[in-house]
N, C-alpha and C. Protein backbone atom coordinates (compact mmCIF):
# COMPACT_ATOMS: atom_id res chain seq x y z
N MET A 1 0.84 -1.16 0.00
CA MET A 1 0.00 0.00 0.00
C MET A 1 0.90 1.24 0.00
N LYS A 2 0.57 2.23 -0.83
CA LYS A 2 1.36 3.43 -0.96
C LYS A 2 1.03 4.41 0.15
N ARG A 3 2.10 5.05 0.71
CA ARG A 3 1.90 6.01 1.79
C ARG A 3 1.39 7.32 1.25
N ARG A 4 0.44 7.88 1.91
CA ARG A 4 -0.15 9.15 1.49
C ARG A 4 0.63 10.27 2.16
N GLY A 5 1.03 11.26 1.43
CA GLY A 5 1.76 12.40 1.97
C GLY A 5 0.82 13.36 2.70
N LEU A 6 1.41 14.36 3.42
CA LEU A 6 0.61 15.35 4.14
C LEU A 6 0.03 16.38 3.17
N THR A 7 -1.18 16.76 3.41
CA THR A 7 -1.80 17.82 2.60
C THR A 7 -1.29 19.16 3.11
N PRO A 8 -1.40 20.23 2.32
CA PRO A 8 -0.95 21.55 2.79
C PRO A 8 -1.66 21.97 4.08
N GLU A 9 -2.92 21.60 4.24
CA GLU A 9 -3.63 21.94 5.48
C GLU A 9 -3.01 21.22 6.69
N ASP A 10 -2.68 19.92 6.49
CA ASP A 10 -2.06 19.14 7.57
C ASP A 10 -0.72 19.74 7.96
N ARG A 11 0.06 20.16 6.98
CA ARG A 11 1.37 20.76 7.26
C ARG A 11 1.21 22.05 8.05
N GLU A 12 0.22 22.84 7.73
CA GLU A 12 -0.02 24.10 8.43
C GLU A 12 -0.41 23.83 9.88
N VAL A 13 -1.30 22.86 10.12
CA VAL A 13 -1.73 22.51 11.48
C VAL A 13 -0.51 22.01 12.29
N TRP A 14 0.28 21.16 11.69
CA TRP A 14 1.47 20.62 12.38
C TRP A 14 2.45 21.72 12.71
N SER A 15 2.65 22.64 11.81
CA SER A 15 3.59 23.74 12.02
C SER A 15 3.15 24.60 13.21
N ARG A 16 1.85 24.93 13.28
CA ARG A 16 1.35 25.73 14.39
C ARG A 16 1.48 24.98 15.72
N TYR A 17 1.19 23.69 15.71
CA TYR A 17 1.25 22.89 16.94
C TYR A 17 2.69 22.75 17.43
N SER A 18 3.60 22.47 16.54
CA SER A 18 4.98 22.22 16.95
C SER A 18 5.66 23.47 17.48
N ARG A 19 5.19 24.68 17.11
CA ARG A 19 5.78 25.91 17.64
C ARG A 19 5.42 26.10 19.11
N THR A 20 4.29 25.56 19.55
CA THR A 20 3.85 25.74 20.94
C THR A 20 4.31 24.62 21.87
N ALA A 21 4.84 23.56 21.31
CA ALA A 21 5.25 22.41 22.13
C ALA A 21 6.54 22.72 22.89
N GLU A 22 6.61 22.24 24.14
CA GLU A 22 7.83 22.41 24.95
C GLU A 22 8.51 21.04 25.08
N PRO A 23 9.82 21.03 25.07
CA PRO A 23 10.52 19.74 25.22
C PRO A 23 10.23 19.11 26.59
N MET A 24 10.11 17.80 26.63
CA MET A 24 9.83 17.11 27.89
C MET A 24 11.03 17.14 28.83
N HIS A 25 12.21 16.94 28.28
CA HIS A 25 13.43 16.92 29.09
C HIS A 25 14.34 18.03 28.61
N SER A 26 14.45 19.07 29.42
CA SER A 26 15.28 20.18 29.00
C SER A 26 16.76 19.91 29.24
N VAL A 27 17.09 19.03 30.20
CA VAL A 27 18.48 18.72 30.51
C VAL A 27 18.81 17.35 29.93
N GLN A 28 19.96 17.24 29.29
CA GLN A 28 20.39 15.96 28.74
C GLN A 28 20.70 15.00 29.89
N PRO A 29 20.25 13.77 29.80
CA PRO A 29 20.57 12.82 30.86
C PRO A 29 22.07 12.50 30.84
N THR A 30 22.64 12.42 32.03
CA THR A 30 24.06 12.07 32.13
C THR A 30 24.16 10.62 32.55
N SER A 31 25.24 10.01 32.16
CA SER A 31 25.42 8.61 32.56
C SER A 31 25.81 8.58 34.03
N GLU A 32 25.39 7.53 34.70
CA GLU A 32 25.70 7.39 36.12
C GLU A 32 27.17 7.06 36.28
N PRO A 33 27.77 7.54 37.37
CA PRO A 33 29.19 7.22 37.56
C PRO A 33 29.37 5.72 37.78
N ARG A 34 30.50 5.22 37.32
CA ARG A 34 30.78 3.80 37.48
C ARG A 34 31.06 3.49 38.94
N PRO A 35 30.57 2.34 39.39
CA PRO A 35 30.86 1.98 40.79
C PRO A 35 32.35 1.64 40.93
N ASP A 36 32.85 1.80 42.15
CA ASP A 36 34.24 1.47 42.40
C ASP A 36 34.46 -0.02 42.16
N PRO A 37 35.61 -0.39 41.61
CA PRO A 37 35.85 -1.82 41.40
C PRO A 37 35.95 -2.53 42.75
N PRO A 38 35.53 -3.80 42.79
CA PRO A 38 35.59 -4.52 44.06
C PRO A 38 37.04 -4.66 44.53
N LYS A 39 37.20 -4.58 45.84
CA LYS A 39 38.54 -4.70 46.40
C LYS A 39 38.96 -6.16 46.39
N VAL A 40 40.16 -6.40 45.91
CA VAL A 40 40.70 -7.75 45.85
C VAL A 40 41.55 -7.97 47.09
N GLU A 41 41.19 -9.02 47.82
CA GLU A 41 41.95 -9.33 49.02
C GLU A 41 43.18 -10.15 48.63
N PRO A 42 44.28 -9.94 49.32
CA PRO A 42 45.47 -10.74 49.00
C PRO A 42 45.21 -12.20 49.33
N PRO A 43 45.86 -13.11 48.60
CA PRO A 43 45.62 -14.54 48.87
C PRO A 43 46.04 -14.90 50.29
N ALA A 44 45.34 -15.88 50.83
CA ALA A 44 45.62 -16.32 52.19
C ALA A 44 47.00 -16.96 52.26
N ARG A 45 47.66 -16.76 53.36
CA ARG A 45 49.00 -17.31 53.54
C ARG A 45 48.87 -18.81 53.80
N ILE A 46 49.70 -19.59 53.13
CA ILE A 46 49.68 -21.04 53.29
C ILE A 46 50.82 -21.43 54.22
N ASP A 47 50.46 -22.12 55.29
CA ASP A 47 51.49 -22.57 56.22
C ASP A 47 52.27 -23.72 55.61
N PRO A 48 53.56 -23.78 55.86
CA PRO A 48 54.36 -24.88 55.31
C PRO A 48 53.97 -26.20 55.97
N PHE A 49 54.13 -27.26 55.21
CA PHE A 49 53.82 -28.60 55.71
C PHE A 49 55.01 -29.09 56.51
N ARG A 50 54.76 -29.59 57.69
CA ARG A 50 55.83 -30.06 58.56
C ARG A 50 55.81 -31.59 58.63
N ALA A 51 56.98 -32.16 58.79
CA ALA A 51 57.10 -33.62 58.90
C ALA A 51 56.29 -34.10 60.09
N GLY A 52 55.58 -35.18 59.90
CA GLY A 52 54.77 -35.75 60.97
C GLY A 52 53.34 -35.25 60.97
N GLN A 53 53.05 -34.20 60.21
CA GLN A 53 51.70 -33.67 60.12
C GLN A 53 50.87 -34.56 59.20
N THR A 54 49.59 -34.62 59.42
CA THR A 54 48.73 -35.34 58.48
C THR A 54 48.16 -34.35 57.49
N ALA A 55 48.07 -34.79 56.25
CA ALA A 55 47.57 -33.92 55.19
C ALA A 55 46.06 -33.80 55.27
N ARG A 56 45.54 -32.64 54.82
CA ARG A 56 44.08 -32.46 54.73
C ARG A 56 43.54 -33.39 53.66
N THR A 57 42.33 -33.81 53.85
CA THR A 57 41.70 -34.62 52.81
C THR A 57 41.28 -33.71 51.66
N VAL A 58 41.46 -34.18 50.44
CA VAL A 58 41.11 -33.39 49.27
C VAL A 58 39.90 -33.99 48.56
N LEU A 59 39.23 -34.89 49.22
CA LEU A 59 38.04 -35.50 48.64
C LEU A 59 36.87 -34.55 48.72
N PRO A 60 35.90 -34.71 47.83
CA PRO A 60 34.72 -33.85 47.88
C PRO A 60 33.95 -34.10 49.17
N PRO A 61 33.25 -33.09 49.67
CA PRO A 61 32.46 -33.29 50.88
C PRO A 61 31.33 -34.27 50.60
N PRO A 62 30.91 -35.03 51.60
CA PRO A 62 29.82 -35.98 51.37
C PRO A 62 28.54 -35.23 51.02
N ALA A 63 27.75 -35.86 50.19
CA ALA A 63 26.48 -35.24 49.79
C ALA A 63 25.59 -35.08 51.01
N SER A 64 24.96 -33.91 51.13
CA SER A 64 24.12 -33.65 52.29
C SER A 64 22.79 -34.39 52.21
N LYS A 65 22.32 -34.63 51.00
CA LYS A 65 21.08 -35.37 50.85
C LYS A 65 21.22 -36.30 49.65
N PRO A 66 20.49 -37.40 49.61
CA PRO A 66 20.61 -38.31 48.48
C PRO A 66 20.15 -37.64 47.19
N ALA A 67 20.75 -38.07 46.10
CA ALA A 67 20.40 -37.50 44.80
C ALA A 67 18.95 -37.81 44.48
N SER A 68 18.31 -36.93 43.75
CA SER A 68 16.91 -37.15 43.39
C SER A 68 16.81 -38.30 42.40
N LEU A 69 15.66 -38.92 42.37
CA LEU A 69 15.42 -40.06 41.50
C LEU A 69 15.26 -39.57 40.07
N ARG A 70 16.12 -40.08 39.16
CA ARG A 70 16.06 -39.66 37.77
C ARG A 70 15.64 -40.81 36.85
N MET A 71 15.22 -41.89 37.45
CA MET A 71 14.79 -43.02 36.64
C MET A 71 13.37 -43.41 37.03
N ASP A 72 12.80 -44.32 36.29
CA ASP A 72 11.45 -44.79 36.55
C ASP A 72 11.35 -45.35 37.97
N ALA A 73 10.36 -44.92 38.73
CA ALA A 73 10.24 -45.31 40.13
C ALA A 73 10.05 -46.82 40.30
N LYS A 74 9.27 -47.43 39.41
CA LYS A 74 9.03 -48.87 39.52
C LYS A 74 10.33 -49.64 39.28
N THR A 75 11.08 -49.24 38.27
CA THR A 75 12.37 -49.88 37.99
C THR A 75 13.33 -49.68 39.15
N HIS A 76 13.31 -48.49 39.75
CA HIS A 76 14.19 -48.21 40.89
C HIS A 76 13.84 -49.11 42.08
N ARG A 77 12.55 -49.31 42.34
CA ARG A 77 12.14 -50.19 43.44
C ARG A 77 12.63 -51.62 43.19
N ARG A 78 12.47 -52.09 41.95
CA ARG A 78 12.92 -53.45 41.61
C ARG A 78 14.44 -53.56 41.76
N MET A 79 15.15 -52.52 41.37
CA MET A 79 16.61 -52.51 41.48
C MET A 79 17.03 -52.51 42.95
N ALA A 80 16.42 -51.64 43.76
CA ALA A 80 16.78 -51.52 45.17
C ALA A 80 16.47 -52.80 45.95
N SER A 81 15.45 -53.54 45.51
CA SER A 81 15.10 -54.78 46.22
C SER A 81 15.90 -55.97 45.71
N GLY A 82 16.79 -55.76 44.74
CA GLY A 82 17.64 -56.83 44.23
C GLY A 82 16.99 -57.71 43.19
N LYS A 83 15.81 -57.32 42.70
CA LYS A 83 15.10 -58.14 41.72
C LYS A 83 15.59 -57.91 40.29
N LEU A 84 16.17 -56.75 40.03
CA LEU A 84 16.77 -56.51 38.71
C LEU A 84 18.16 -57.12 38.72
N ARG A 85 18.49 -57.80 37.65
CA ARG A 85 19.78 -58.47 37.58
C ARG A 85 20.81 -57.58 36.90
N PRO A 86 21.95 -57.32 37.54
CA PRO A 86 23.00 -56.52 36.89
C PRO A 86 23.55 -57.27 35.67
N GLU A 87 23.86 -56.51 34.62
CA GLU A 87 24.37 -57.11 33.39
C GLU A 87 25.88 -57.25 33.40
N ALA A 88 26.56 -56.52 34.27
CA ALA A 88 28.02 -56.62 34.37
C ALA A 88 28.46 -56.09 35.73
N THR A 89 29.66 -56.49 36.13
CA THR A 89 30.21 -56.06 37.42
C THR A 89 31.69 -55.75 37.25
N ILE A 90 32.15 -54.72 37.94
CA ILE A 90 33.59 -54.44 38.02
C ILE A 90 33.95 -54.36 39.49
N ASP A 91 35.08 -54.98 39.83
CA ASP A 91 35.54 -54.97 41.22
C ASP A 91 36.76 -54.07 41.33
N LEU A 92 36.57 -52.90 41.93
CA LEU A 92 37.66 -51.94 42.13
C LEU A 92 38.33 -52.15 43.48
N HIS A 93 37.78 -53.05 44.27
CA HIS A 93 38.26 -53.29 45.62
C HIS A 93 39.76 -53.59 45.60
N GLY A 94 40.53 -52.84 46.39
CA GLY A 94 41.97 -53.05 46.48
C GLY A 94 42.78 -52.24 45.49
N MET A 95 42.13 -51.57 44.53
CA MET A 95 42.86 -50.75 43.56
C MET A 95 43.17 -49.39 44.17
N THR A 96 44.21 -48.76 43.65
CA THR A 96 44.51 -47.38 44.06
C THR A 96 43.66 -46.44 43.23
N LEU A 97 43.57 -45.18 43.65
CA LEU A 97 42.75 -44.20 42.93
C LEU A 97 43.22 -44.03 41.50
N ASP A 98 44.54 -43.97 41.28
CA ASP A 98 45.04 -43.73 39.93
C ASP A 98 44.84 -44.92 39.00
N VAL A 99 44.61 -46.10 39.52
CA VAL A 99 44.30 -47.28 38.70
C VAL A 99 42.78 -47.43 38.56
N ALA A 100 42.06 -47.17 39.64
CA ALA A 100 40.61 -47.39 39.66
C ALA A 100 39.85 -46.42 38.76
N HIS A 101 40.26 -45.16 38.72
CA HIS A 101 39.51 -44.16 37.95
C HIS A 101 39.46 -44.50 36.45
N PRO A 102 40.62 -44.75 35.78
CA PRO A 102 40.52 -45.11 34.36
C PRO A 102 39.81 -46.45 34.13
N ALA A 103 39.99 -47.40 35.06
CA ALA A 103 39.31 -48.69 34.91
C ALA A 103 37.79 -48.50 34.97
N LEU A 104 37.33 -47.66 35.90
CA LEU A 104 35.90 -47.38 36.01
C LEU A 104 35.38 -46.70 34.75
N ALA A 105 36.11 -45.71 34.26
CA ALA A 105 35.68 -44.98 33.06
C ALA A 105 35.57 -45.93 31.86
N ARG A 106 36.58 -46.77 31.66
CA ARG A 106 36.53 -47.74 30.55
C ARG A 106 35.33 -48.66 30.69
N PHE A 107 35.11 -49.18 31.89
CA PHE A 107 34.02 -50.12 32.14
C PHE A 107 32.66 -49.47 31.88
N ILE A 108 32.43 -48.29 32.42
CA ILE A 108 31.13 -47.62 32.26
C ILE A 108 30.88 -47.27 30.80
N LEU A 109 31.86 -46.69 30.13
CA LEU A 109 31.67 -46.28 28.74
C LEU A 109 31.50 -47.49 27.81
N SER A 110 32.25 -48.57 28.05
CA SER A 110 32.08 -49.75 27.20
C SER A 110 30.74 -50.44 27.49
N SER A 111 30.31 -50.45 28.75
CA SER A 111 29.00 -51.03 29.09
C SER A 111 27.88 -50.25 28.40
N HIS A 112 27.98 -48.94 28.40
CA HIS A 112 26.98 -48.11 27.72
C HIS A 112 26.98 -48.38 26.22
N ALA A 113 28.18 -48.50 25.64
CA ALA A 113 28.28 -48.77 24.20
C ALA A 113 27.68 -50.13 23.84
N LYS A 114 27.75 -51.09 24.76
CA LYS A 114 27.19 -52.43 24.53
C LYS A 114 25.69 -52.48 24.82
N GLY A 115 25.11 -51.38 25.25
CA GLY A 115 23.67 -51.33 25.49
C GLY A 115 23.24 -51.83 26.86
N ARG A 116 24.18 -52.00 27.77
CA ARG A 116 23.82 -52.43 29.12
C ARG A 116 23.13 -51.29 29.86
N ARG A 117 22.24 -51.65 30.78
CA ARG A 117 21.52 -50.63 31.56
C ARG A 117 21.93 -50.63 33.02
N LEU A 118 22.10 -51.81 33.63
CA LEU A 118 22.41 -51.89 35.05
C LEU A 118 23.73 -52.63 35.26
N VAL A 119 24.67 -51.93 35.88
CA VAL A 119 25.96 -52.54 36.21
C VAL A 119 26.24 -52.31 37.69
N VAL A 120 27.12 -53.13 38.24
CA VAL A 120 27.50 -53.01 39.65
C VAL A 120 28.98 -52.64 39.72
N VAL A 121 29.29 -51.67 40.57
CA VAL A 121 30.67 -51.27 40.82
C VAL A 121 30.97 -51.62 42.27
N VAL A 122 31.90 -52.56 42.48
CA VAL A 122 32.29 -52.99 43.82
C VAL A 122 33.47 -52.13 44.25
N THR A 123 33.29 -51.41 45.35
CA THR A 123 34.35 -50.54 45.87
C THR A 123 34.95 -51.09 47.14
N GLY A 124 34.25 -51.95 47.83
CA GLY A 124 34.65 -52.37 49.16
C GLY A 124 34.09 -51.37 50.15
N LYS A 125 33.94 -51.79 51.39
CA LYS A 125 33.33 -50.91 52.40
C LYS A 125 34.32 -49.91 52.96
N GLY A 126 35.60 -50.27 52.94
CA GLY A 126 36.58 -49.42 53.59
C GLY A 126 36.53 -49.68 55.08
N ARG A 127 37.61 -49.39 55.74
CA ARG A 127 37.66 -49.61 57.19
C ARG A 127 37.27 -48.34 57.91
N THR A 128 36.65 -48.52 59.05
CA THR A 128 36.29 -47.36 59.86
C THR A 128 37.29 -47.23 61.00
N GLY A 129 37.30 -46.12 61.65
CA GLY A 129 38.20 -45.91 62.78
C GLY A 129 39.44 -45.17 62.35
N ALA A 130 40.36 -45.01 63.30
CA ALA A 130 41.58 -44.25 63.04
C ALA A 130 42.49 -45.01 62.10
N SER A 131 43.17 -44.27 61.24
CA SER A 131 44.10 -44.85 60.29
C SER A 131 45.46 -45.04 60.95
N ASP A 132 46.11 -46.18 60.67
CA ASP A 132 47.46 -46.42 61.17
C ASP A 132 48.51 -45.94 60.18
N ASP A 133 48.07 -45.41 59.07
CA ASP A 133 48.98 -44.98 58.02
C ASP A 133 49.82 -43.79 58.49
N PRO A 134 51.16 -43.87 58.39
CA PRO A 134 51.99 -42.75 58.85
C PRO A 134 51.81 -41.49 58.02
N PHE A 135 51.28 -41.63 56.80
CA PHE A 135 51.07 -40.47 55.94
C PHE A 135 49.67 -39.90 56.07
N GLY A 136 48.85 -40.47 56.94
CA GLY A 136 47.52 -39.93 57.21
C GLY A 136 46.51 -40.19 56.11
N ARG A 137 46.78 -41.19 55.27
CA ARG A 137 45.83 -41.48 54.19
C ARG A 137 44.57 -42.10 54.77
N ASP A 138 43.46 -41.76 54.16
CA ASP A 138 42.16 -42.25 54.61
C ASP A 138 41.86 -43.63 54.06
N ARG A 139 41.00 -44.34 54.76
CA ARG A 139 40.53 -45.63 54.27
C ARG A 139 39.14 -45.46 53.69
N GLY A 140 38.75 -46.39 52.82
CA GLY A 140 37.42 -46.30 52.21
C GLY A 140 37.33 -45.18 51.19
N VAL A 141 38.46 -44.86 50.58
CA VAL A 141 38.50 -43.73 49.65
C VAL A 141 37.68 -44.03 48.40
N LEU A 142 37.77 -45.25 47.88
CA LEU A 142 37.02 -45.58 46.67
C LEU A 142 35.51 -45.48 46.90
N LYS A 143 35.06 -45.91 48.06
CA LYS A 143 33.62 -45.86 48.36
C LYS A 143 33.10 -44.43 48.28
N ARG A 144 33.91 -43.47 48.72
CA ARG A 144 33.50 -42.06 48.66
C ARG A 144 33.77 -41.44 47.29
N GLN A 145 34.82 -41.87 46.62
CA GLN A 145 35.24 -41.21 45.39
C GLN A 145 34.45 -41.66 44.16
N VAL A 146 34.07 -42.93 44.08
CA VAL A 146 33.39 -43.45 42.89
C VAL A 146 32.11 -42.68 42.56
N PRO A 147 31.19 -42.42 43.51
CA PRO A 147 30.00 -41.63 43.15
C PRO A 147 30.36 -40.24 42.61
N HIS A 148 31.41 -39.65 43.15
CA HIS A 148 31.87 -38.34 42.66
C HIS A 148 32.33 -38.45 41.20
N TRP A 149 33.12 -39.46 40.88
CA TRP A 149 33.59 -39.66 39.50
C TRP A 149 32.43 -39.87 38.55
N LEU A 150 31.40 -40.57 39.01
CA LEU A 150 30.26 -40.85 38.13
C LEU A 150 29.42 -39.61 37.84
N ARG A 151 29.57 -38.56 38.66
CA ARG A 151 28.84 -37.31 38.43
C ARG A 151 29.61 -36.34 37.54
N LEU A 152 30.85 -36.68 37.18
CA LEU A 152 31.69 -35.80 36.37
C LEU A 152 31.74 -36.30 34.93
N PRO A 153 31.95 -35.38 33.95
CA PRO A 153 32.13 -35.81 32.57
C PRO A 153 33.39 -36.67 32.45
N PRO A 154 33.45 -37.61 31.56
CA PRO A 154 32.48 -37.99 30.55
C PRO A 154 31.42 -38.98 31.06
N LEU A 155 31.59 -39.48 32.28
CA LEU A 155 30.67 -40.51 32.79
C LEU A 155 29.27 -39.96 33.07
N SER A 156 29.17 -38.70 33.46
CA SER A 156 27.85 -38.12 33.77
C SER A 156 26.93 -38.13 32.56
N ALA A 157 27.50 -38.16 31.36
CA ALA A 157 26.68 -38.16 30.15
C ALA A 157 25.97 -39.49 29.93
N VAL A 158 26.49 -40.57 30.51
CA VAL A 158 25.88 -41.88 30.29
C VAL A 158 25.24 -42.46 31.54
N VAL A 159 25.52 -41.88 32.70
CA VAL A 159 24.98 -42.40 33.97
C VAL A 159 23.65 -41.72 34.29
N LEU A 160 22.63 -42.52 34.54
CA LEU A 160 21.32 -41.97 34.89
C LEU A 160 21.12 -41.93 36.40
N GLN A 161 21.52 -42.99 37.10
CA GLN A 161 21.27 -43.08 38.54
C GLN A 161 22.38 -43.90 39.20
N VAL A 162 22.76 -43.49 40.40
CA VAL A 162 23.73 -44.24 41.21
C VAL A 162 23.09 -44.46 42.57
N SER A 163 23.08 -45.69 43.04
CA SER A 163 22.54 -45.96 44.37
C SER A 163 23.23 -47.18 44.97
N GLU A 164 23.11 -47.31 46.28
CA GLU A 164 23.75 -48.43 46.97
C GLU A 164 23.14 -49.75 46.50
N ALA A 165 23.99 -50.75 46.34
CA ALA A 165 23.54 -52.05 45.85
C ALA A 165 22.77 -52.81 46.93
N HIS A 166 21.94 -53.74 46.47
CA HIS A 166 21.22 -54.63 47.37
C HIS A 166 22.23 -55.58 48.02
N ARG A 167 21.88 -56.11 49.16
CA ARG A 167 22.76 -57.01 49.91
C ARG A 167 23.25 -58.17 49.04
N SER A 168 22.38 -58.68 48.17
CA SER A 168 22.75 -59.82 47.33
C SER A 168 23.75 -59.45 46.24
N HIS A 169 23.93 -58.15 45.98
CA HIS A 169 24.87 -57.69 44.95
C HIS A 169 26.04 -56.91 45.53
N GLY A 170 26.27 -57.02 46.83
CA GLY A 170 27.43 -56.35 47.42
C GLY A 170 27.09 -55.39 48.53
N GLY A 171 25.83 -55.04 48.69
CA GLY A 171 25.41 -54.16 49.78
C GLY A 171 26.13 -52.84 49.82
N SER A 172 26.56 -52.42 51.02
CA SER A 172 27.16 -51.10 51.16
C SER A 172 28.58 -51.03 50.60
N GLY A 173 29.14 -52.17 50.18
CA GLY A 173 30.46 -52.16 49.56
C GLY A 173 30.39 -52.11 48.05
N ALA A 174 29.19 -51.86 47.51
CA ALA A 174 29.02 -51.79 46.06
C ALA A 174 27.91 -50.80 45.74
N CYS A 175 27.87 -50.38 44.49
CA CYS A 175 26.77 -49.49 44.08
C CYS A 175 26.26 -49.89 42.71
N TYR A 176 24.96 -49.68 42.54
CA TYR A 176 24.34 -49.87 41.24
C TYR A 176 24.58 -48.62 40.42
N VAL A 177 24.88 -48.81 39.15
CA VAL A 177 24.97 -47.69 38.22
C VAL A 177 23.99 -48.00 37.10
N TYR A 178 22.93 -47.20 37.03
CA TYR A 178 21.92 -47.38 36.00
C TYR A 178 22.26 -46.44 34.85
N LEU A 179 22.48 -47.00 33.67
CA LEU A 179 22.96 -46.23 32.53
C LEU A 179 21.82 -45.78 31.63
N ARG A 180 22.05 -44.68 30.95
CA ARG A 180 21.08 -44.18 29.97
C ARG A 180 21.03 -45.15 28.79
N ARG A 181 19.94 -45.08 28.04
CA ARG A 181 19.85 -45.89 26.83
C ARG A 181 20.89 -45.41 25.83
N SER A 182 21.57 -46.34 25.19
CA SER A 182 22.55 -45.95 24.17
C SER A 182 21.83 -45.80 22.84
N GLY A 183 22.42 -44.98 22.01
CA GLY A 183 21.84 -44.87 20.68
C GLY A 183 21.35 -43.56 20.42
């Protein structure tokens, strides 16, 4: 549709009106001053490590609440009661962290590639009580570390749910890993 131009009468009316109009803002708005940059505190002083001292644990803090259910509730009930049969098992019990982590990653990723849904990871329960280790190393490290590894990439992309295994599949010394569908 073609735009219609102003008639001479319209131009005259507009001209008279615009002469009487006053600007709404007579002062130009100024930009607000920038806030002061945040003060950077100097890094905290690190005390030197002394012989005979025990090292701080560098493991992630334990989860405050159990992870929410991300799988079908009926399947989860069957799994928790030991009625679902695991399709594969890996025993990390007795391995060191640097050996167990790549072994777990290979196992989980290959199980997913083979179309498996439920696998068991045996970590062992770990010992409770004070450690006799002169270097202050903790016991039961795999039991605490494996769920953390399963929540990190690349394993988090294929893991749907992690929960403690039924007594018949290892109980508190093992965990079920329910994998996403492959494909």
